[in-house]
Amino acid sequence: MSDQSPRLSLPFILPAQAQKHVTHNEAIELLDLIVQLTLLSVSQATPPAAPQEGQAWAVPAGATDDWAGQESMIATWRGGGWLFVAPQDGWVAWVADAAAIHVRAGGVWVAQGDLQDLPGIGINTTADPVNRLSLRAPAALFDNEGGGHQIKINKAAATDTAAMVFQTGYGGRAEMGLAGSDDFSIKVAPDGATWRPAITIAAATARVQLAEALQLAPGAEPVTAAAGDIYFDSATAKLRCFDGTGWHDLF
């Protein structure tokens, strides 16, 4: 029977062993180092002049003084001296001077990305070269941080498109935004292929253009009205407008 555990090399307490507390404390000391591992550096080659109890470093190539010959080991200051522990591939550590998570792989400590400039992100789904940010969820929340909040869609040139597309079964049914120009437009499609324009708002004049007839649902005269209000009267079949003082038939 081995006197150490196979993965972390923790010392076993053997039968009829004297001073069992010594072996137990050695194992606790190793666990205290390895679990939630924090390394002050993976590149510092010279031991610090005044290390603190429990501090640890990954010893790089070319180490000097008390670390000479201990390359690739973890050096931790314990009880007034250096304790060296051999790390294994797969260990994860926070490296303080790099402010980054590192993973031991291929015998070296490899810094993990800081989630900047990623090629893609998939949340509960898989991102692809076109949909580089992909989310599969019943809802998504973009919250404020104490003030307002904006979502920006930017395009390179006026002839490009910056728009939102609404789909059924991954087939487009409606699109709104800047489609091929800087005028804001809304268009619809019954089948994802046959697109028809509905509304266009000119960027230069703010004039609204309807591509098809505007249908007003018939209704009763509004209880309150403001100048310019229009409705189609269900009782008289007349289109009516409020001028600020009273209603008038438009035809």
C-alpha atoms as a PDB file:
ATOM      1  CA  MET A   1       0.000   0.000   0.000  1.00  0.00           C
ATOM      2  CA  SER A   2       1.299   3.439  -0.917  1.00  0.00           C
ATOM      3  CA  ASP A   3       1.829   5.956   1.854  1.00  0.00           C
ATOM      4  CA  GLN A   4       0.448   8.799  -0.324  1.00  0.00           C
ATOM      5  CA  SER A   5      -2.815   9.483  -2.148  1.00  0.00           C
ATOM      6  CA  PRO A   6      -2.553   8.933  -5.934  1.00  0.00           C
ATOM      7  CA  ARG A   7      -3.697  12.363  -7.146  1.00  0.00           C
ATOM      8  CA  LEU A   8      -2.589  14.995  -4.648  1.00  0.00           C
ATOM      9  CA  SER A   9       0.172  12.998  -2.903  1.00  0.00           C
ATOM     10  CA  LEU A  10      -1.379  13.590   0.500  1.00  0.00           C
ATOM     11  CA  PRO A  11       0.283  11.474   3.205  1.00  0.00           C
ATOM     12  CA  PHE A  12      -1.744   8.590   4.615  1.00  0.00           C
ATOM     13  CA  ILE A  13      -1.885   7.796   8.316  1.00  0.00           C
ATOM     14  CA  LEU A  14      -0.513   4.260   8.433  1.00  0.00           C
ATOM     15  CA  PRO A  15      -1.451   1.488  10.894  1.00  0.00           C
ATOM     16  CA  ALA A  16       0.410   1.615  14.215  1.00  0.00           C
ATOM     17  CA  GLN A  17       2.062   4.875  13.167  1.00  0.00           C
ATOM     18  CA  ALA A  18       3.432   7.067  15.921  1.00  0.00           C
ATOM     19  CA  GLN A  19       2.700  10.801  15.979  1.00  0.00           C
ATOM     20  CA  LYS A  20      -0.259  10.485  13.659  1.00  0.00           C
ATOM     21  CA  HIS A  21      -1.005  14.155  14.122  1.00  0.00           C
ATOM     22  CA  VAL A  22       2.169  15.040  12.205  1.00  0.00           C
ATOM     23  CA  THR A  23       1.020  13.180   9.092  1.00  0.00           C
ATOM     24  CA  HIS A  24      -2.470  14.577   9.443  1.00  0.00           C
ATOM     25  CA  ASN A  25      -1.159  18.128   9.719  1.00  0.00           C
ATOM     26  CA  GLU A  26       1.038  17.638   6.638  1.00  0.00           C
ATOM     27  CA  ALA A  27      -2.032  16.655   4.636  1.00  0.00           C
ATOM     28  CA  ILE A  28      -3.993  19.640   5.938  1.00  0.00           C
ATOM     29  CA  GLU A  29      -1.074  21.909   5.031  1.00  0.00           C
ATOM     30  CA  LEU A  30      -1.049  20.609   1.459  1.00  0.00           C
ATOM     31  CA  LEU A  31      -4.801  20.961   1.133  1.00  0.00           C
ATOM     32  CA  ASP A  32      -4.565  24.513   2.438  1.00  0.00           C
ATOM     33  CA  LEU A  33      -2.189  25.279  -0.423  1.00  0.00           C
ATOM     34  CA  ILE A  34      -3.868  23.369  -3.248  1.00  0.00           C
ATOM     35  CA  VAL A  35      -7.550  24.078  -2.617  1.00  0.00           C
ATOM     36  CA  GLN A  36      -8.543  27.545  -3.910  1.00  0.00           C
ATOM     37  CA  LEU A  37      -4.958  27.921  -5.126  1.00  0.00           C
ATOM     38  CA  THR A  38      -3.601  31.474  -5.295  1.00  0.00           C
ATOM     39  CA  LEU A  39      -0.178  32.197  -6.779  1.00  0.00           C
ATOM     40  CA  LEU A  40       1.418  35.593  -6.417  1.00  0.00           C
ATOM     41  CA  SER A  41       3.274  35.090  -9.708  1.00  0.00           C
ATOM     42  CA  VAL A  42       4.211  32.495 -12.316  1.00  0.00           C
ATOM     43  CA  SER A  43       7.113  34.547 -13.703  1.00  0.00           C
ATOM     44  CA  GLN A  44       9.042  35.740 -10.649  1.00  0.00           C
ATOM     45  CA  ALA A  45      12.412  33.949 -10.677  1.00  0.00           C
ATOM     46  CA  THR A  46      13.858  35.299  -7.426  1.00  0.00           C
ATOM     47  CA  PRO A  47      12.403  34.411  -4.024  1.00  0.00           C
ATOM     48  CA  PRO A  48      10.930  37.384  -2.148  1.00  0.00           C
ATOM     49  CA  ALA A  49      12.999  38.858   0.658  1.00  0.00           C
ATOM     50  CA  ALA A  50      10.205  38.714   3.224  1.00  0.00           C
ATOM     51  CA  PRO A  51       7.543  36.161   2.263  1.00  0.00           C
ATOM     52  CA  GLN A  52       4.406  35.846   4.351  1.00  0.00           C
ATOM     53  CA  GLU A  53       3.145  32.588   5.806  1.00  0.00           C
ATOM     54  CA  GLY A  54       1.059  30.723   3.230  1.00  0.00           C
ATOM     55  CA  GLN A  55       2.062  32.794   0.213  1.00  0.00           C
ATOM     56  CA  ALA A  56       2.860  30.788  -2.914  1.00  0.00           C
ATOM     57  CA  TRP A  57       4.594  31.221  -6.272  1.00  0.00           C
ATOM     58  CA  ALA A  58       5.005  29.046  -9.363  1.00  0.00           C
ATOM     59  CA  VAL A  59       8.752  28.676  -9.858  1.00  0.00           C
ATOM     60  CA  PRO A  60       9.722  29.561 -13.464  1.00  0.00           C
ATOM     61  CA  ALA A  61      12.752  28.468 -15.458  1.00  0.00           C
ATOM     62  CA  GLY A  62      15.963  30.171 -14.409  1.00  0.00           C
ATOM     63  CA  ALA A  63      14.954  30.497 -10.761  1.00  0.00           C
ATOM     64  CA  THR A  64      17.695  31.528  -8.341  1.00  0.00           C
ATOM     65  CA  ASP A  65      18.682  31.322  -4.681  1.00  0.00           C
ATOM     66  CA  ASP A  66      16.406  29.067  -2.629  1.00  0.00           C
ATOM     67  CA  TRP A  67      14.314  28.307  -5.704  1.00  0.00           C
ATOM     68  CA  ALA A  68      17.225  27.122  -7.841  1.00  0.00           C
ATOM     69  CA  GLY A  69      16.563  23.640  -9.220  1.00  0.00           C
ATOM     70  CA  GLN A  70      12.846  23.815  -8.340  1.00  0.00           C
ATOM     71  CA  GLU A  71      11.597  24.935 -11.749  1.00  0.00           C
ATOM     72  CA  SER A  72       7.888  24.178 -12.381  1.00  0.00           C
ATOM     73  CA  MET A  73       7.247  23.511  -8.686  1.00  0.00           C
ATOM     74  CA  ILE A  74       4.967  25.556  -6.456  1.00  0.00           C
ATOM     75  CA  ALA A  75       6.945  27.269  -3.710  1.00  0.00           C
ATOM     76  CA  THR A  76       5.049  28.170  -0.559  1.00  0.00           C
ATOM     77  CA  TRP A  77       6.425  29.722   2.622  1.00  0.00           C
ATOM     78  CA  ARG A  78       5.534  27.528   5.602  1.00  0.00           C
ATOM     79  CA  GLY A  79       6.923  27.562   9.127  1.00  0.00           C
ATOM     80  CA  GLY A  80       9.937  29.695   8.286  1.00  0.00           C
ATOM     81  CA  GLY A  81      11.024  27.750   5.202  1.00  0.00           C
ATOM     82  CA  TRP A  82      10.128  26.880   1.644  1.00  0.00           C
ATOM     83  CA  LEU A  83       7.852  23.934   0.867  1.00  0.00           C
ATOM     84  CA  PHE A  84       7.851  22.778  -2.761  1.00  0.00           C
ATOM     85  CA  VAL A  85       4.841  21.008  -4.266  1.00  0.00           C
ATOM     86  CA  ALA A  86       4.620  19.509  -7.759  1.00  0.00           C
ATOM     87  CA  PRO A  87       1.514  20.783  -9.603  1.00  0.00           C
ATOM     88  CA  GLN A  88      -0.458  18.633 -12.016  1.00  0.00           C
ATOM     89  CA  ASP A  89      -2.078  19.407 -15.346  1.00  0.00           C
ATOM     90  CA  GLY A  90      -5.641  20.554 -14.817  1.00  0.00           C
ATOM     91  CA  TRP A  91      -4.979  22.566 -11.679  1.00  0.00           C
ATOM     92  CA  VAL A  92      -6.520  26.028 -11.647  1.00  0.00           C
ATOM     93  CA  ALA A  93      -5.005  29.027  -9.877  1.00  0.00           C
ATOM     94  CA  TRP A  94      -5.599  32.728  -9.502  1.00  0.00           C
ATOM     95  CA  VAL A  95      -2.352  34.534 -10.375  1.00  0.00           C
ATOM     96  CA  ALA A  96      -2.278  37.825  -8.498  1.00  0.00           C
ATOM     97  CA  ASP A  97       0.284  39.840 -10.471  1.00  0.00           C
ATOM     98  CA  ALA A  98      -1.440  38.951 -13.763  1.00  0.00           C
ATOM     99  CA  ALA A  99      -4.936  39.383 -12.294  1.00  0.00           C
ATOM    100  CA  ALA A 100      -6.079  36.333 -14.250  1.00  0.00           C
ATOM    101  CA  ILE A 101      -7.107  32.717 -13.871  1.00  0.00           C
ATOM    102  CA  HIS A 102      -4.425  30.270 -15.042  1.00  0.00           C
ATOM    103  CA  VAL A 103      -4.769  26.559 -15.842  1.00  0.00           C
ATOM    104  CA  ARG A 104      -1.884  24.105 -15.684  1.00  0.00           C
ATOM    105  CA  ALA A 105      -1.651  22.437 -19.108  1.00  0.00           C
ATOM    106  CA  GLY A 106       1.271  20.689 -20.756  1.00  0.00           C
ATOM    107  CA  GLY A 107       3.488  21.447 -17.798  1.00  0.00           C
ATOM    108  CA  VAL A 108       3.003  25.231 -17.941  1.00  0.00           C
ATOM    109  CA  TRP A 109       0.566  27.737 -16.462  1.00  0.00           C
ATOM    110  CA  VAL A 110      -1.702  29.097 -19.207  1.00  0.00           C
ATOM    111  CA  ALA A 111      -3.624  32.333 -18.687  1.00  0.00           C
ATOM    112  CA  GLN A 112      -7.320  32.114 -19.453  1.00  0.00           C
ATOM    113  CA  GLY A 113      -9.109  34.747 -21.503  1.00  0.00           C
ATOM    114  CA  ASP A 114     -10.670  37.759 -19.820  1.00  0.00           C
ATOM    115  CA  LEU A 115     -13.837  37.527 -21.976  1.00  0.00           C
ATOM    116  CA  GLN A 116     -12.665  40.313 -24.293  1.00  0.00           C
ATOM    117  CA  ASP A 117     -12.441  40.027 -28.087  1.00  0.00           C
ATOM    118  CA  LEU A 118     -13.991  36.541 -28.131  1.00  0.00           C
ATOM    119  CA  PRO A 119     -14.848  34.931 -31.508  1.00  0.00           C
ATOM    120  CA  GLY A 120     -18.344  34.084 -30.268  1.00  0.00           C
ATOM    121  CA  ILE A 121     -20.581  33.504 -27.259  1.00  0.00           C
ATOM    122  CA  GLY A 122     -23.395  30.960 -27.054  1.00  0.00           C
ATOM    123  CA  ILE A 123     -25.748  31.042 -24.060  1.00  0.00           C
ATOM    124  CA  ASN A 124     -27.688  27.780 -23.791  1.00  0.00           C
ATOM    125  CA  THR A 125     -27.015  27.295 -27.520  1.00  0.00           C
ATOM    126  CA  THR A 126     -24.141  27.333 -30.016  1.00  0.00           C
ATOM    127  CA  ALA A 127     -22.848  30.479 -31.686  1.00  0.00           C
ATOM    128  CA  ASP A 128     -21.892  30.327 -35.366  1.00  0.00           C
ATOM    129  CA  PRO A 129     -19.752  32.493 -37.695  1.00  0.00           C
ATOM    130  CA  VAL A 130     -22.744  34.726 -38.517  1.00  0.00           C
ATOM    131  CA  ASN A 131     -24.694  34.692 -35.247  1.00  0.00           C
ATOM    132  CA  ARG A 132     -21.637  35.210 -33.060  1.00  0.00           C
ATOM    133  CA  LEU A 133     -23.765  36.129 -30.056  1.00  0.00           C
ATOM    134  CA  SER A 134     -26.513  33.518 -29.651  1.00  0.00           C
ATOM    135  CA  LEU A 135     -29.030  33.086 -26.837  1.00  0.00           C
ATOM    136  CA  ARG A 136     -31.723  30.453 -26.318  1.00  0.00           C
ATOM    137  CA  ALA A 137     -34.035  31.547 -23.489  1.00  0.00           C
ATOM    138  CA  PRO A 138     -37.661  32.500 -22.791  1.00  0.00           C
ATOM    139  CA  ALA A 139     -36.637  36.134 -22.291  1.00  0.00           C
ATOM    140  CA  ALA A 140     -33.663  38.499 -22.180  1.00  0.00           C
ATOM    141  CA  LEU A 141     -33.304  41.547 -19.924  1.00  0.00           C
ATOM    142  CA  PHE A 142     -31.170  44.598 -20.657  1.00  0.00           C
ATOM    143  CA  ASP A 143     -31.400  46.653 -17.468  1.00  0.00           C
ATOM    144  CA  ASN A 144     -30.335  50.177 -16.607  1.00  0.00           C
ATOM    145  CA  GLU A 145     -27.583  51.104 -14.178  1.00  0.00           C
ATOM    146  CA  GLY A 146     -29.423  53.919 -12.461  1.00  0.00           C
ATOM    147  CA  GLY A 147     -30.302  55.962 -15.554  1.00  0.00           C
ATOM    148  CA  GLY A 148     -31.311  55.341 -19.144  1.00  0.00           C
ATOM    149  CA  HIS A 149     -30.372  52.450 -21.405  1.00  0.00           C
ATOM    150  CA  GLN A 150     -29.714  52.211 -25.146  1.00  0.00           C
ATOM    151  CA  ILE A 151     -29.253  49.330 -27.571  1.00  0.00           C
ATOM    152  CA  LYS A 152     -27.217  50.352 -30.605  1.00  0.00           C
ATOM    153  CA  ILE A 153     -27.099  48.697 -34.047  1.00  0.00           C
ATOM    154  CA  ASN A 154     -24.375  50.281 -36.167  1.00  0.00           C
ATOM    155  CA  LYS A 155     -23.767  49.883 -39.905  1.00  0.00           C
ATOM    156  CA  ALA A 156     -20.729  50.837 -41.952  1.00  0.00           C
ATOM    157  CA  ALA A 157     -22.400  52.785 -44.775  1.00  0.00           C
ATOM    158  CA  ALA A 158     -25.795  54.228 -45.673  1.00  0.00           C
ATOM    159  CA  THR A 159     -26.424  51.460 -48.213  1.00  0.00           C
ATOM    160  CA  ASP A 160     -25.874  48.754 -45.586  1.00  0.00           C
ATOM    161  CA  THR A 161     -28.578  47.460 -43.236  1.00  0.00           C
ATOM    162  CA  ALA A 162     -29.001  47.967 -39.499  1.00  0.00           C
ATOM    163  CA  ALA A 163     -32.295  46.359 -38.560  1.00  0.00           C
ATOM    164  CA  MET A 164     -34.208  43.994 -36.319  1.00  0.00           C
ATOM    165  CA  VAL A 165     -35.815  40.951 -37.935  1.00  0.00           C
ATOM    166  CA  PHE A 166     -38.758  39.104 -36.366  1.00  0.00           C
ATOM    167  CA  GLN A 167     -39.045  35.451 -37.395  1.00  0.00           C
ATOM    168  CA  THR A 168     -41.328  32.432 -37.293  1.00  0.00           C
ATOM    169  CA  GLY A 169     -39.493  29.127 -37.568  1.00  0.00           C
ATOM    170  CA  TYR A 170     -36.344  31.054 -38.518  1.00  0.00           C
ATOM    171  CA  GLY A 171     -38.147  32.639 -41.473  1.00  0.00           C
ATOM    172  CA  GLY A 172     -38.411  36.436 -41.504  1.00  0.00           C
ATOM    173  CA  ARG A 173     -41.884  37.907 -41.040  1.00  0.00           C
ATOM    174  CA  ALA A 174     -41.145  41.546 -40.205  1.00  0.00           C
ATOM    175  CA  GLU A 175     -38.138  43.853 -40.290  1.00  0.00           C
ATOM    176  CA  MET A 176     -37.682  47.343 -38.948  1.00  0.00           C
ATOM    177  CA  GLY A 177     -34.676  49.602 -39.084  1.00  0.00           C
ATOM    178  CA  LEU A 178     -32.380  51.161 -41.645  1.00  0.00           C
ATOM    179  CA  ALA A 179     -32.630  48.773 -44.591  1.00  0.00           C
ATOM    180  CA  GLY A 180     -30.354  49.844 -47.421  1.00  0.00           C
ATOM    181  CA  SER A 181     -30.652  53.554 -46.614  1.00  0.00           C
ATOM    182  CA  ASP A 182     -30.747  55.926 -43.653  1.00  0.00           C
ATOM    183  CA  ASP A 183     -34.554  56.153 -43.811  1.00  0.00           C
ATOM    184  CA  PHE A 184     -36.345  54.204 -41.096  1.00  0.00           C
ATOM    185  CA  SER A 185     -38.645  51.564 -42.529  1.00  0.00           C
ATOM    186  CA  ILE A 186     -40.896  48.689 -41.576  1.00  0.00           C
ATOM    187  CA  LYS A 187     -41.570  45.842 -43.980  1.00  0.00           C
ATOM    188  CA  VAL A 188     -43.345  42.495 -43.688  1.00  0.00           C
ATOM    189  CA  ALA A 189     -43.331  39.106 -45.400  1.00  0.00           C
ATOM    190  CA  PRO A 190     -45.916  36.306 -45.224  1.00  0.00           C
ATOM    191  CA  ASP A 191     -43.423  33.589 -46.122  1.00  0.00           C
ATOM    192  CA  GLY A 192     -39.953  34.859 -45.235  1.00  0.00           C
ATOM    193  CA  ALA A 193     -39.178  35.634 -48.876  1.00  0.00           C
ATOM    194  CA  THR A 194     -41.815  37.972 -50.340  1.00  0.00           C
ATOM    195  CA  TRP A 195     -41.089  41.247 -48.567  1.00  0.00           C
ATOM    196  CA  ARG A 196     -43.450  44.221 -48.815  1.00  0.00           C
ATOM    197  CA  PRO A 197     -42.713  47.717 -47.483  1.00  0.00           C
ATOM    198  CA  ALA A 198     -45.246  49.129 -45.035  1.00  0.00           C
ATOM    199  CA  ILE A 199     -43.922  52.376 -43.546  1.00  0.00           C
ATOM    200  CA  THR A 200     -40.975  54.599 -44.404  1.00  0.00           C
ATOM    201  CA  ILE A 201     -39.873  57.646 -42.416  1.00  0.00           C
ATOM    202  CA  ALA A 202     -37.515  59.911 -44.348  1.00  0.00           C
ATOM    203  CA  ALA A 203     -34.343  60.730 -42.430  1.00  0.00           C
ATOM    204  CA  ALA A 204     -34.060  64.192 -44.005  1.00  0.00           C
ATOM    205  CA  THR A 205     -37.651  65.392 -43.443  1.00  0.00           C
ATOM    206  CA  ALA A 206     -39.259  62.979 -40.926  1.00  0.00           C
ATOM    207  CA  ARG A 207     -42.110  62.635 -43.442  1.00  0.00           C
ATOM    208  CA  VAL A 208     -44.041  59.367 -43.045  1.00  0.00           C
ATOM    209  CA  GLN A 209     -44.924  57.400 -46.180  1.00  0.00           C
ATOM    210  CA  LEU A 210     -47.387  54.499 -46.203  1.00  0.00           C
ATOM    211  CA  ALA A 211     -46.837  51.927 -48.937  1.00  0.00           C
ATOM    212  CA  GLU A 212     -50.414  50.631 -48.676  1.00  0.00           C
ATOM    213  CA  ALA A 213     -53.802  51.982 -47.624  1.00  0.00           C
ATOM    214  CA  LEU A 214     -54.257  52.959 -43.976  1.00  0.00           C
ATOM    215  CA  GLN A 215     -57.231  51.241 -42.374  1.00  0.00           C
ATOM    216  CA  LEU A 216     -58.839  52.745 -39.271  1.00  0.00           C
ATOM    217  CA  ALA A 217     -61.040  50.439 -37.238  1.00  0.00           C
ATOM    218  CA  PRO A 218     -64.552  51.961 -36.962  1.00  0.00           C
ATOM    219  CA  GLY A 219     -65.390  53.333 -33.520  1.00  0.00           C
ATOM    220  CA  ALA A 220     -67.367  55.828 -31.484  1.00  0.00           C
ATOM    221  CA  GLU A 221     -66.442  59.469 -31.056  1.00  0.00           C
ATOM    222  CA  PRO A 222     -63.586  59.727 -28.537  1.00  0.00           C
ATOM    223  CA  VAL A 223     -64.569  61.137 -25.146  1.00  0.00           C
ATOM    224  CA  THR A 224     -61.478  63.324 -25.061  1.00  0.00           C
ATOM    225  CA  ALA A 225     -59.675  64.641 -28.124  1.00  0.00           C
ATOM    226  CA  ALA A 226     -56.840  66.918 -29.159  1.00  0.00           C
ATOM    227  CA  ALA A 227     -56.473  68.993 -32.290  1.00  0.00           C
ATOM    228  CA  GLY A 228     -55.490  66.782 -35.203  1.00  0.00           C
ATOM    229  CA  ASP A 229     -57.128  63.589 -33.939  1.00  0.00           C
ATOM    230  CA  ILE A 230     -58.797  61.470 -36.641  1.00  0.00           C
ATOM    231  CA  TYR A 231     -61.173  58.525 -36.364  1.00  0.00           C
ATOM    232  CA  PHE A 232     -63.642  56.617 -38.543  1.00  0.00           C
ATOM    233  CA  ASP A 233     -67.120  56.902 -37.079  1.00  0.00           C
ATOM    234  CA  SER A 234     -68.896  53.542 -36.946  1.00  0.00           C
ATOM    235  CA  ALA A 235     -72.366  55.117 -36.773  1.00  0.00           C
ATOM    236  CA  THR A 236     -72.074  57.515 -39.703  1.00  0.00           C
ATOM    237  CA  ALA A 237     -69.358  55.773 -41.741  1.00  0.00           C
ATOM    238  CA  LYS A 238     -67.531  59.095 -41.879  1.00  0.00           C
ATOM    239  CA  LEU A 239     -63.862  59.940 -41.425  1.00  0.00           C
ATOM    240  CA  ARG A 240     -63.775  62.722 -38.864  1.00  0.00           C
ATOM    241  CA  CYS A 241     -61.134  65.169 -37.602  1.00  0.00           C
ATOM    242  CA  PHE A 242     -60.970  67.276 -34.425  1.00  0.00           C
ATOM    243  CA  ASP A 243     -59.796  70.872 -34.974  1.00  0.00           C
ATOM    244  CA  GLY A 244     -59.409  71.747 -31.323  1.00  0.00           C
ATOM    245  CA  THR A 245     -62.978  72.946 -30.808  1.00  0.00           C
ATOM    246  CA  GLY A 246     -65.157  70.335 -32.498  1.00  0.00           C
ATOM    247  CA  TRP A 247     -65.363  67.317 -34.795  1.00  0.00           C
ATOM    248  CA  HIS A 248     -65.730  67.711 -38.559  1.00  0.00           C
ATOM    249  CA  ASP A 249     -66.499  65.200 -41.283  1.00  0.00           C
ATOM    250  CA  LEU A 250     -63.678  64.871 -43.791  1.00  0.00           C
ATOM    251  CA  PHE A 251     -65.960  63.267 -46.387  1.00  0.00           C
END
